[in-house]
PDB file of N, CA and C in Angstrom:
ATOM      1  N   MET A   1      32.738 193.748  96.789  1.00  0.00           N
ATOM      2  CA  MET A   1      32.810 192.346  97.141  1.00  0.00           C
ATOM      3  C   MET A   1      34.177 191.820  96.722  1.00  0.00           C
ATOM      4  N   ILE A   2      34.673 190.874  97.485  1.00  0.00           N
ATOM      5  CA  ILE A   2      35.990 190.286  97.241  1.00  0.00           C
ATOM      6  C   ILE A   2      35.837 188.774  97.051  1.00  0.00           C
ATOM      7  N   ALA A   3      36.507 188.236  96.036  1.00  0.00           N
ATOM      8  CA  ALA A   3      36.551 186.792  95.801  1.00  0.00           C
ATOM      9  C   ALA A   3      37.864 186.256  96.360  1.00  0.00           C
ATOM     10  N   ARG A   4      37.786 185.136  97.043  1.00  0.00           N
ATOM     11  CA  ARG A   4      38.959 184.441  97.590  1.00  0.00           C
ATOM     12  C   ARG A   4      39.016 183.080  96.910  1.00  0.00           C
ATOM     13  N   ILE A   5      40.189 182.710  96.392  1.00  0.00           N
ATOM     14  CA  ILE A   5      40.326 181.465  95.632  1.00  0.00           C
ATOM     15  C   ILE A   5      41.437 180.614  96.249  1.00  0.00           C
ATOM     16  N   TRP A   6      41.086 179.365  96.529  1.00  0.00           N
ATOM     17  CA  TRP A   6      42.050 178.371  97.023  1.00  0.00           C
ATOM     18  C   TRP A   6      42.028 177.189  96.067  1.00  0.00           C
ATOM     19  N   ARG A   7      43.213 176.616  95.839  1.00  0.00           N
ATOM     20  CA  ARG A   7      43.341 175.428  94.985  1.00  0.00           C
ATOM     21  C   ARG A   7      44.087 174.329  95.738  1.00  0.00           C
ATOM     22  N   GLY A   8      43.691 173.074  95.457  1.00  0.00           N
ATOM     23  CA  GLY A   8      44.375 171.933  96.044  1.00  0.00           C
ATOM     24  C   GLY A   8      44.213 170.705  95.179  1.00  0.00           C
ATOM     25  N   GLU A   9      45.035 169.686  95.468  1.00  0.00           N
ATOM     26  CA  GLU A   9      44.996 168.425  94.715  1.00  0.00           C
ATOM     27  C   GLU A   9      45.045 167.242  95.670  1.00  0.00           C
ATOM     28  N   THR A  10      44.294 166.200  95.291  1.00  0.00           N
ATOM     29  CA  THR A  10      44.345 164.917  95.989  1.00  0.00           C
ATOM     30  C   THR A  10      44.579 163.821  94.965  1.00  0.00           C
ATOM     31  N   ARG A  11      44.769 162.608  95.446  1.00  0.00           N
ATOM     32  CA  ARG A  11      44.754 161.458  94.539  1.00  0.00           C
ATOM     33  C   ARG A  11      43.318 161.304  94.033  1.00  0.00           C
ATOM     34  N   ALA A  12      43.156 160.844  92.813  1.00  0.00           N
ATOM     35  CA  ALA A  12      41.820 160.663  92.236  1.00  0.00           C
ATOM     36  C   ALA A  12      40.976 159.743  93.115  1.00  0.00           C
ATOM     37  N   ALA A  13      41.591 158.727  93.682  1.00  0.00           N
ATOM     38  CA  ALA A  13      40.864 157.768  94.520  1.00  0.00           C
ATOM     39  C   ALA A  13      40.288 158.418  95.778  1.00  0.00           C
ATOM     40  N   ASP A  14      40.833 159.556  96.195  1.00  0.00           N
ATOM     41  CA  ASP A  14      40.370 160.245  97.400  1.00  0.00           C
ATOM     42  C   ASP A  14      39.393 161.384  97.108  1.00  0.00           C
ATOM     43  N   ALA A  15      39.081 161.623  95.850  1.00  0.00           N
ATOM     44  CA  ALA A  15      38.307 162.808  95.470  1.00  0.00           C
ATOM     45  C   ALA A  15      36.951 162.885  96.170  1.00  0.00           C
ATOM     46  N   ASP A  16      36.177 161.834  96.130  1.00  0.00           N
ATOM     47  CA  ASP A  16      34.839 161.882  96.725  1.00  0.00           C
ATOM     48  C   ASP A  16      34.904 162.030  98.245  1.00  0.00           C
ATOM     49  N   THR A  17      35.827 161.343  98.861  1.00  0.00           N
ATOM     50  CA  THR A  17      35.980 161.433 100.308  1.00  0.00           C
ATOM     51  C   THR A  17      36.423 162.830 100.715  1.00  0.00           C
ATOM     52  N   TYR A  18      37.378 163.389  99.980  1.00  0.00           N
ATOM     53  CA  TYR A  18      37.850 164.736 100.297  1.00  0.00           C
ATOM     54  C   TYR A  18      36.755 165.772 100.073  1.00  0.00           C
ATOM     55  N   LEU A  19      35.978 165.609  99.023  1.00  0.00           N
ATOM     56  CA  LEU A  19      34.882 166.534  98.764  1.00  0.00           C
ATOM     57  C   LEU A  19      33.916 166.564  99.946  1.00  0.00           C
ATOM     58  N   GLU A  20      33.561 165.420 100.455  1.00  0.00           N
ATOM     59  CA  GLU A  20      32.667 165.371 101.617  1.00  0.00           C
ATOM     60  C   GLU A  20      33.340 165.996 102.840  1.00  0.00           C
ATOM     61  N   TYR A  21      34.637 165.739 103.019  1.00  0.00           N
ATOM     62  CA  TYR A  21      35.381 166.310 104.136  1.00  0.00           C
ATOM     63  C   TYR A  21      35.391 167.838 104.076  1.00  0.00           C
ATOM     64  N   ILE A  22      35.644 168.414 102.905  1.00  0.00           N
ATOM     65  CA  ILE A  22      35.687 169.882 102.837  1.00  0.00           C
ATOM     66  C   ILE A  22      34.294 170.491 102.987  1.00  0.00           C
ATOM     67  N   ARG A  23      33.264 169.764 102.615  1.00  0.00           N
ATOM     68  CA  ARG A  23      31.901 170.254 102.866  1.00  0.00           C
ATOM     69  C   ARG A  23      31.647 170.381 104.369  1.00  0.00           C
ATOM     70  N   GLN A  24      32.154 169.417 105.128  1.00  0.00           N
ATOM     71  CA  GLN A  24      31.930 169.396 106.579  1.00  0.00           C
ATOM     72  C   GLN A  24      32.841 170.360 107.335  1.00  0.00           C
ATOM     73  N   THR A  25      33.969 170.739 106.752  1.00  0.00           N
ATOM     74  CA  THR A  25      34.928 171.599 107.459  1.00  0.00           C
ATOM     75  C   THR A  25      34.930 172.998 106.844  1.00  0.00           C
ATOM     76  N   GLY A  26      35.715 173.189 105.812  1.00  0.00           N
ATOM     77  CA  GLY A  26      35.898 174.514 105.227  1.00  0.00           C
ATOM     78  C   GLY A  26      34.621 175.155 104.732  1.00  0.00           C
ATOM     79  N   VAL A  27      33.827 174.428 103.961  1.00  0.00           N
ATOM     80  CA  VAL A  27      32.601 175.007 103.416  1.00  0.00           C
ATOM     81  C   VAL A  27      31.661 175.415 104.551  1.00  0.00           C
ATOM     82  N   ALA A  28      31.515 174.569 105.546  1.00  0.00           N
ATOM     83  CA  ALA A  28      30.664 174.905 106.697  1.00  0.00           C
ATOM     84  C   ALA A  28      31.190 176.135 107.422  1.00  0.00           C
ATOM     85  N   ASP A  29      32.511 176.225 107.597  1.00  0.00           N
ATOM     86  CA  ASP A  29      33.101 177.395 108.263  1.00  0.00           C
ATOM     87  C   ASP A  29      32.922 178.661 107.435  1.00  0.00           C
ATOM     88  N   TYR A  30      33.128 178.563 106.121  1.00  0.00           N
ATOM     89  CA  TYR A  30      32.899 179.734 105.274  1.00  0.00           C
ATOM     90  C   TYR A  30      31.481 180.250 105.481  1.00  0.00           C
ATOM     91  N   ARG A  31      30.509 179.373 105.341  1.00  0.00           N
ATOM     92  CA  ARG A  31      29.105 179.780 105.402  1.00  0.00           C
ATOM     93  C   ARG A  31      28.712 180.317 106.777  1.00  0.00           C
ATOM     94  N   ALA A  32      29.375 179.866 107.812  1.00  0.00           N
ATOM     95  CA  ALA A  32      29.064 180.317 109.169  1.00  0.00           C
ATOM     96  C   ALA A  32      29.717 181.651 109.518  1.00  0.00           C
ATOM     97  N   THR A  33      30.620 182.139 108.687  1.00  0.00           N
ATOM     98  CA  THR A  33      31.328 183.381 108.976  1.00  0.00           C
ATOM     99  C   THR A  33      30.507 184.571 108.483  1.00  0.00           C
ATOM    100  N   PRO A  34      30.167 185.503 109.386  1.00  0.00           N
ATOM    101  CA  PRO A  34      29.445 186.693 108.949  1.00  0.00           C
ATOM    102  C   PRO A  34      30.220 187.423 107.845  1.00  0.00           C
ATOM    103  N   GLY A  35      29.495 187.849 106.829  1.00  0.00           N
ATOM    104  CA  GLY A  35      30.118 188.542 105.707  1.00  0.00           C
ATOM    105  C   GLY A  35      30.425 187.644 104.531  1.00  0.00           C
ATOM    106  N   ASN A  36      30.283 186.315 104.711  1.00  0.00           N
ATOM    107  CA  ASN A  36      30.445 185.413 103.573  1.00  0.00           C
ATOM    108  C   ASN A  36      29.167 185.459 102.755  1.00  0.00           C
ATOM    109  N   ARG A  37      29.331 185.698 101.454  1.00  0.00           N
ATOM    110  CA  ARG A  37      28.162 185.822 100.574  1.00  0.00           C
ATOM    111  C   ARG A  37      27.852 184.537  99.818  1.00  0.00           C
ATOM    112  N   ASP A  38      28.897 183.748  99.527  1.00  0.00           N
ATOM    113  CA  ASP A  38      28.659 182.507  98.784  1.00  0.00           C
ATOM    114  C   ASP A  38      29.919 181.656  98.781  1.00  0.00           C
ATOM    115  N   VAL A  39      29.737 180.365  98.524  1.00  0.00           N
ATOM    116  CA  VAL A  39      30.821 179.393  98.398  1.00  0.00           C
ATOM    117  C   VAL A  39      30.538 178.547  97.169  1.00  0.00           C
ATOM    118  N   VAL A  40      31.543 178.407  96.306  1.00  0.00           N
ATOM    119  CA  VAL A  40      31.430 177.534  95.141  1.00  0.00           C
ATOM    120  C   VAL A  40      32.617 176.578  95.177  1.00  0.00           C
ATOM    121  N   VAL A  41      32.338 175.280  95.118  1.00  0.00           N
ATOM    122  CA  VAL A  41      33.396 174.266  95.101  1.00  0.00           C
ATOM    123  C   VAL A  41      33.410 173.637  93.718  1.00  0.00           C
ATOM    124  N   LEU A  42      34.556 173.716  93.056  1.00  0.00           N
ATOM    125  CA  LEU A  42      34.749 173.090  91.752  1.00  0.00           C
ATOM    126  C   LEU A  42      35.755 171.968  91.909  1.00  0.00           C
ATOM    127  N   HIS A  43      35.538 170.870  91.180  1.00  0.00           N
ATOM    128  CA  HIS A  43      36.534 169.797  91.204  1.00  0.00           C
ATOM    129  C   HIS A  43      36.466 169.020  89.906  1.00  0.00           C
ATOM    130  N   ARG A  44      37.588 168.395  89.603  1.00  0.00           N
ATOM    131  CA  ARG A  44      37.659 167.533  88.424  1.00  0.00           C
ATOM    132  C   ARG A  44      38.753 166.501  88.644  1.00  0.00           C
ATOM    133  N   VAL A  45      38.559 165.361  88.019  1.00  0.00           N
ATOM    134  CA  VAL A  45      39.575 164.313  88.049  1.00  0.00           C
ATOM    135  C   VAL A  45      40.316 164.374  86.732  1.00  0.00           C
ATOM    136  N   ASP A  46      41.633 164.379  86.828  1.00  0.00           N
ATOM    137  CA  ASP A  46      42.496 164.415  85.651  1.00  0.00           C
ATOM    138  C   ASP A  46      43.548 163.320  85.837  1.00  0.00           C
ATOM    139  N   GLY A  47      43.307 162.166  85.234  1.00  0.00           N
ATOM    140  CA  GLY A  47      44.225 161.037  85.408  1.00  0.00           C
ATOM    141  C   GLY A  47      44.170 160.516  86.822  1.00  0.00           C
ATOM    142  N   ASP A  48      45.321 160.482  87.484  1.00  0.00           N
ATOM    143  CA  ASP A  48      45.378 159.938  88.835  1.00  0.00           C
ATOM    144  C   ASP A  48      45.242 161.003  89.918  1.00  0.00           C
ATOM    145  N   ARG A  49      44.930 162.234  89.517  1.00  0.00           N
ATOM    146  CA  ARG A  49      44.784 163.329  90.473  1.00  0.00           C
ATOM    147  C   ARG A  49      43.415 163.984  90.367  1.00  0.00           C
ATOM    148  N   ALA A  50      42.984 164.551  91.471  1.00  0.00           N
ATOM    149  CA  ALA A  50      41.754 165.348  91.486  1.00  0.00           C
ATOM    150  C   ALA A  50      42.132 166.765  91.896  1.00  0.00           C
ATOM    151  N   GLU A  51      41.639 167.714  91.149  1.00  0.00           N
ATOM    152  CA  GLU A  51      41.905 169.126  91.425  1.00  0.00           C
ATOM    153  C   GLU A  51      40.661 169.751  92.047  1.00  0.00           C
ATOM    154  N   PHE A  52      40.885 170.616  93.026  1.00  0.00           N
ATOM    155  CA  PHE A  52      39.799 171.320  93.702  1.00  0.00           C
ATOM    156  C   PHE A  52      40.072 172.808  93.638  1.00  0.00           C
ATOM    157  N   LEU A  53      39.019 173.572  93.431  1.00  0.00           N
ATOM    158  CA  LEU A  53      39.095 175.025  93.478  1.00  0.00           C
ATOM    159  C   LEU A  53      37.896 175.492  94.291  1.00  0.00           C
ATOM    160  N   ILE A  54      38.168 176.253  95.333  1.00  0.00           N
ATOM    161  CA  ILE A  54      37.094 176.810  96.141  1.00  0.00           C
ATOM    162  C   ILE A  54      37.102 178.321  95.949  1.00  0.00           C
ATOM    163  N   LEU A  55      35.968 178.834  95.515  1.00  0.00           N
ATOM    164  CA  LEU A  55      35.768 180.266  95.311  1.00  0.00           C
ATOM    165  C   LEU A  55      34.772 180.737  96.365  1.00  0.00           C
ATOM    166  N   THR A  56      35.188 181.688  97.175  1.00  0.00           N
ATOM    167  CA  THR A  56      34.275 182.262  98.154  1.00  0.00           C
ATOM    168  C   THR A  56      34.122 183.742  97.869  1.00  0.00           C
ATOM    169  N   LEU A  57      32.952 184.263  98.180  1.00  0.00           N
ATOM    170  CA  LEU A  57      32.661 185.674  97.973  1.00  0.00           C
ATOM    171  C   LEU A  57      32.398 186.322  99.332  1.00  0.00           C
ATOM    172  N   TRP A  58      33.012 187.486  99.537  1.00  0.00           N
ATOM    173  CA  TRP A  58      32.991 188.156 100.832  1.00  0.00           C
ATOM    174  C   TRP A  58      32.552 189.602 100.687  1.00  0.00           C
ATOM    175  N   GLU A  59      31.847 190.097 101.696  1.00  0.00           N
ATOM    176  CA  GLU A  59      31.404 191.483 101.698  1.00  0.00           C
ATOM    177  C   GLU A  59      32.560 192.467 101.835  1.00  0.00           C
ATOM    178  N   SER A  60      33.611 192.062 102.565  1.00  0.00           N
ATOM    179  CA  SER A  60      34.706 192.998 102.849  1.00  0.00           C
ATOM    180  C   SER A  60      35.965 192.244 103.270  1.00  0.00           C
ATOM    181  N   ARG A  61      37.043 192.993 103.333  1.00  0.00           N
ATOM    182  CA  ARG A  61      38.301 192.444 103.843  1.00  0.00           C
ATOM    183  C   ARG A  61      38.134 192.013 105.302  1.00  0.00           C
ATOM    184  N   ASP A  62      37.413 192.802 106.090  1.00  0.00           N
ATOM    185  CA  ASP A  62      37.196 192.459 107.500  1.00  0.00           C
ATOM    186  C   ASP A  62      36.479 191.118 107.650  1.00  0.00           C
ATOM    187  N   ALA A  63      35.568 190.822 106.749  1.00  0.00           N
ATOM    188  CA  ALA A  63      34.878 189.531 106.790  1.00  0.00           C
ATOM    189  C   ALA A  63      35.861 188.391 106.527  1.00  0.00           C
ATOM    190  N   ILE A  64      36.798 188.603 105.604  1.00  0.00           N
ATOM    191  CA  ILE A  64      37.813 187.577 105.327  1.00  0.00           C
ATOM    192  C   ILE A  64      38.719 187.399 106.535  1.00  0.00           C
ATOM    193  N   VAL A  65      39.094 188.497 107.181  1.00  0.00           N
ATOM    194  CA  VAL A  65      39.920 188.428 108.393  1.00  0.00           C
ATOM    195  C   VAL A  65      39.234 187.568 109.454  1.00  0.00           C
ATOM    196  N   ALA A  66      37.923 187.699 109.576  1.00  0.00           N
ATOM    197  CA  ALA A  66      37.189 186.901 110.567  1.00  0.00           C
ATOM    198  C   ALA A  66      37.314 185.411 110.289  1.00  0.00           C
ATOM    199  N   PHE A  67      37.448 185.042 109.010  1.00  0.00           N
ATOM    200  CA  PHE A  67      37.618 183.631 108.657  1.00  0.00           C
ATOM    201  C   PHE A  67      39.083 183.204 108.697  1.00  0.00           C
ATOM    202  N   ALA A  68      39.961 183.995 108.070  1.00  0.00           N
ATOM    203  CA  ALA A  68      41.334 183.561 107.798  1.00  0.00           C
ATOM    204  C   ALA A  68      42.379 184.089 108.769  1.00  0.00           C
ATOM    205  N   GLY A  69      42.054 185.122 109.527  1.00  0.00           N
ATOM    206  CA  GLY A  69      43.044 185.762 110.373  1.00  0.00           C
ATOM    207  C   GLY A  69      43.623 186.991 109.683  1.00  0.00           C
ATOM    208  N   ALA A  70      44.540 187.664 110.368  1.00  0.00           N
ATOM    209  CA  ALA A  70      45.073 188.945 109.884  1.00  0.00           C
ATOM    210  C   ALA A  70      45.761 188.844 108.526  1.00  0.00           C
ATOM    211  N   ASP A  71      46.469 187.748 108.271  1.00  0.00           N
ATOM    212  CA  ASP A  71      47.139 187.561 106.981  1.00  0.00           C
ATOM    213  C   ASP A  71      46.167 186.830 106.052  1.00  0.00           C
ATOM    214  N   ILE A  72      45.324 187.591 105.384  1.00  0.00           N
ATOM    215  CA  ILE A  72      44.274 186.964 104.577  1.00  0.00           C
ATOM    216  C   ILE A  72      44.806 186.226 103.359  1.00  0.00           C
ATOM    217  N   ASP A  73      46.052 186.489 102.981  1.00  0.00           N
ATOM    218  CA  ASP A  73      46.635 185.792 101.833  1.00  0.00           C
ATOM    219  C   ASP A  73      47.133 184.397 102.175  1.00  0.00           C
ATOM    220  N   ARG A  74      47.185 184.071 103.439  1.00  0.00           N
ATOM    221  CA  ARG A  74      47.656 182.758 103.876  1.00  0.00           C
ATOM    222  C   ARG A  74      46.505 181.745 103.818  1.00  0.00           C
ATOM    223  N   ALA A  75      46.778 180.588 103.247  1.00  0.00           N
ATOM    224  CA  ALA A  75      45.773 179.526 103.169  1.00  0.00           C
ATOM    225  C   ALA A  75      45.486 178.972 104.557  1.00  0.00           C
ATOM    226  N   ARG A  76      44.260 178.560 104.758  1.00  0.00           N
ATOM    227  CA  ARG A  76      43.857 177.955 106.031  1.00  0.00           C
ATOM    228  C   ARG A  76      43.589 176.473 105.795  1.00  0.00           C
ATOM    229  N   TYR A  77      44.183 175.619 106.638  1.00  0.00           N
ATOM    230  CA  TYR A  77      44.021 174.173 106.499  1.00  0.00           C
ATOM    231  C   TYR A  77      43.404 173.571 107.758  1.00  0.00           C
ATOM    232  N   TYR A  78      42.897 172.360 107.587  1.00  0.00           N
ATOM    233  CA  TYR A  78      42.248 171.623 108.664  1.00  0.00           C
ATOM    234  C   TYR A  78      43.070 170.370 108.962  1.00  0.00           C
ATOM    235  N   PRO A  79      42.934 169.815 110.184  1.00  0.00           N
ATOM    236  CA  PRO A  79      43.805 168.705 110.607  1.00  0.00           C
ATOM    237  C   PRO A  79      43.892 167.533 109.630  1.00  0.00           C
ATOM    238  N   GLU A  80      42.792 167.094 109.070  1.00  0.00           N
ATOM    239  CA  GLU A  80      42.841 165.911 108.212  1.00  0.00           C
ATOM    240  C   GLU A  80      43.225 166.223 106.767  1.00  0.00           C
ATOM    241  N   ASP A  81      43.456 167.496 106.446  1.00  0.00           N
ATOM    242  CA  ASP A  81      43.930 167.827 105.100  1.00  0.00           C
ATOM    243  C   ASP A  81      45.215 167.062 104.778  1.00  0.00           C
ATOM    244  N   GLU A  82      46.038 166.848 105.796  1.00  0.00           N
ATOM    245  CA  GLU A  82      47.300 166.123 105.590  1.00  0.00           C
ATOM    246  C   GLU A  82      47.070 164.711 105.073  1.00  0.00           C
ATOM    247  N   LYS A  83      45.939 164.152 105.391  1.00  0.00           N
ATOM    248  CA  LYS A  83      45.599 162.792 104.964  1.00  0.00           C
ATOM    249  C   LYS A  83      45.291 162.741 103.464  1.00  0.00           C
ATOM    250  N   TYR A  84      44.840 163.862 102.896  1.00  0.00           N
ATOM    251  CA  TYR A  84      44.355 163.863 101.515  1.00  0.00           C
ATOM    252  C   TYR A  84      45.180 164.699 100.533  1.00  0.00           C
ATOM    253  N   LEU A  85      45.582 165.886 100.935  1.00  0.00           N
ATOM    254  CA  LEU A  85      46.208 166.813  99.987  1.00  0.00           C
ATOM    255  C   LEU A  85      47.616 166.385  99.603  1.00  0.00           C
ATOM    256  N   LEU A  86      47.956 166.596  98.344  1.00  0.00           N
ATOM    257  CA  LEU A  86      49.285 166.235  97.841  1.00  0.00           C
ATOM    258  C   LEU A  86      50.303 167.339  98.078  1.00  0.00           C
ATOM    259  N   SER A  87      49.827 168.570  98.270  1.00  0.00           N
ATOM    260  CA  SER A  87      50.712 169.695  98.597  1.00  0.00           C
ATOM    261  C   SER A  87      49.897 170.719  99.369  1.00  0.00           C
ATOM    262  N   PHE A  88      50.574 171.683  99.949  1.00  0.00           N
ATOM    263  CA  PHE A  88      49.929 172.688 100.780  1.00  0.00           C
ATOM    264  C   PHE A  88      50.358 174.087 100.343  1.00  0.00           C
ATOM    265  N   PRO A  89      49.729 174.602  99.300  1.00  0.00           N
ATOM    266  CA  PRO A  89      50.065 175.962  98.885  1.00  0.00           C
ATOM    267  C   PRO A  89      49.885 176.924 100.062  1.00  0.00           C
ATOM    268  N   GLU A  90      50.849 177.809 100.249  1.00  0.00           N
ATOM    269  CA  GLU A  90      50.793 178.728 101.378  1.00  0.00           C
ATOM    270  C   GLU A  90      49.828 179.876 101.158  1.00  0.00           C
ATOM    271  N   LYS A  91      49.611 180.239  99.913  1.00  0.00           N
ATOM    272  CA  LYS A  91      48.839 181.449  99.613  1.00  0.00           C
ATOM    273  C   LYS A  91      47.550 181.140  98.860  1.00  0.00           C
ATOM    274  N   VAL A  92      46.592 182.024  99.029  1.00  0.00           N
ATOM    275  CA  VAL A  92      45.369 182.028  98.247  1.00  0.00           C
ATOM    276  C   VAL A  92      45.382 183.313  97.421  1.00  0.00           C
ATOM    277  N   GLU A  93      44.411 183.445  96.530  1.00  0.00           N
ATOM    278  CA  GLU A  93      44.329 184.643  95.704  1.00  0.00           C
ATOM    279  C   GLU A  93      43.056 185.408  96.046  1.00  0.00           C
ATOM    280  N   HIS A  94      43.133 186.733  95.925  1.00  0.00           N
ATOM    281  CA  HIS A  94      41.968 187.591  96.134  1.00  0.00           C
ATOM    282  C   HIS A  94      41.783 188.479  94.915  1.00  0.00           C
ATOM    283  N   TYR A  95      40.529 188.673  94.561  1.00  0.00           N
ATOM    284  CA  TYR A  95      40.159 189.530  93.431  1.00  0.00           C
ATOM    285  C   TYR A  95      38.985 190.414  93.835  1.00  0.00           C
ATOM    286  N   GLU A  96      38.982 191.640  93.364  1.00  0.00           N
ATOM    287  CA  GLU A  96      37.801 192.478  93.483  1.00  0.00           C
ATOM    288  C   GLU A  96      36.774 191.962  92.482  1.00  0.00           C
ATOM    289  N   VAL A  97      35.547 191.830  92.900  1.00  0.00           N
ATOM    290  CA  VAL A  97      34.495 191.343  92.010  1.00  0.00           C
ATOM    291  C   VAL A  97      33.953 192.529  91.213  1.00  0.00           C
ATOM    292  N   ALA A  98      34.091 192.471  89.895  1.00  0.00           N
ATOM    293  CA  ALA A  98      33.656 193.551  89.028  1.00  0.00           C
ATOM    294  C   ALA A  98      32.158 193.453  88.712  1.00  0.00           C
ATOM    295  N   ASP A  99      31.646 192.253  88.545  1.00  0.00           N
ATOM    296  CA  ASP A  99      30.223 192.030  88.272  1.00  0.00           C
ATOM    297  C   ASP A  99      29.742 190.937  89.209  1.00  0.00           C
ATOM    298  N   GLU A 100      28.760 191.269  90.029  1.00  0.00           N
ATOM    299  CA  GLU A 100      28.249 190.311  90.999  1.00  0.00           C
ATOM    300  C   GLU A 100      27.264 189.335  90.363  1.00  0.00           C
ATOM    301  N   PRO A 101      27.227 188.103  90.908  1.00  0.00           N
ATOM    302  CA  PRO A 101      26.211 187.153  90.447  1.00  0.00           C
ATOM    303  C   PRO A 101      24.812 187.661  90.825  1.00  0.00           C
ATOM    304  N   LYS A 102      23.825 187.268  90.065  1.00  0.00           N
ATOM    305  CA  LYS A 102      22.445 187.710  90.351  1.00  0.00           C
ATOM    306  C   LYS A 102      21.698 186.691  91.163  1.00  0.00           C
TER     307      LYS A 102
END
């Protein structure tokens, strides 16, 4: 199993709205992609910013390709992300999962 991690930041005032937006876009797309095993969305407000971390679990590299395209290290964004995100990291991180959740 492979873990894919994406991080992003919004203004604190946009945190709740952005959370709902990513549930309707990215989270829904992750879950609809064959080979996706799970999605975990973490967020916290720190001063005037909100940080988001999305951890997805995948059966294989091919499953990630089905979601992200051939360059699986490239972050995938949605049209309205520009309205909320303070920056657009180009890359995501991948890790081999050593111990699976039960």
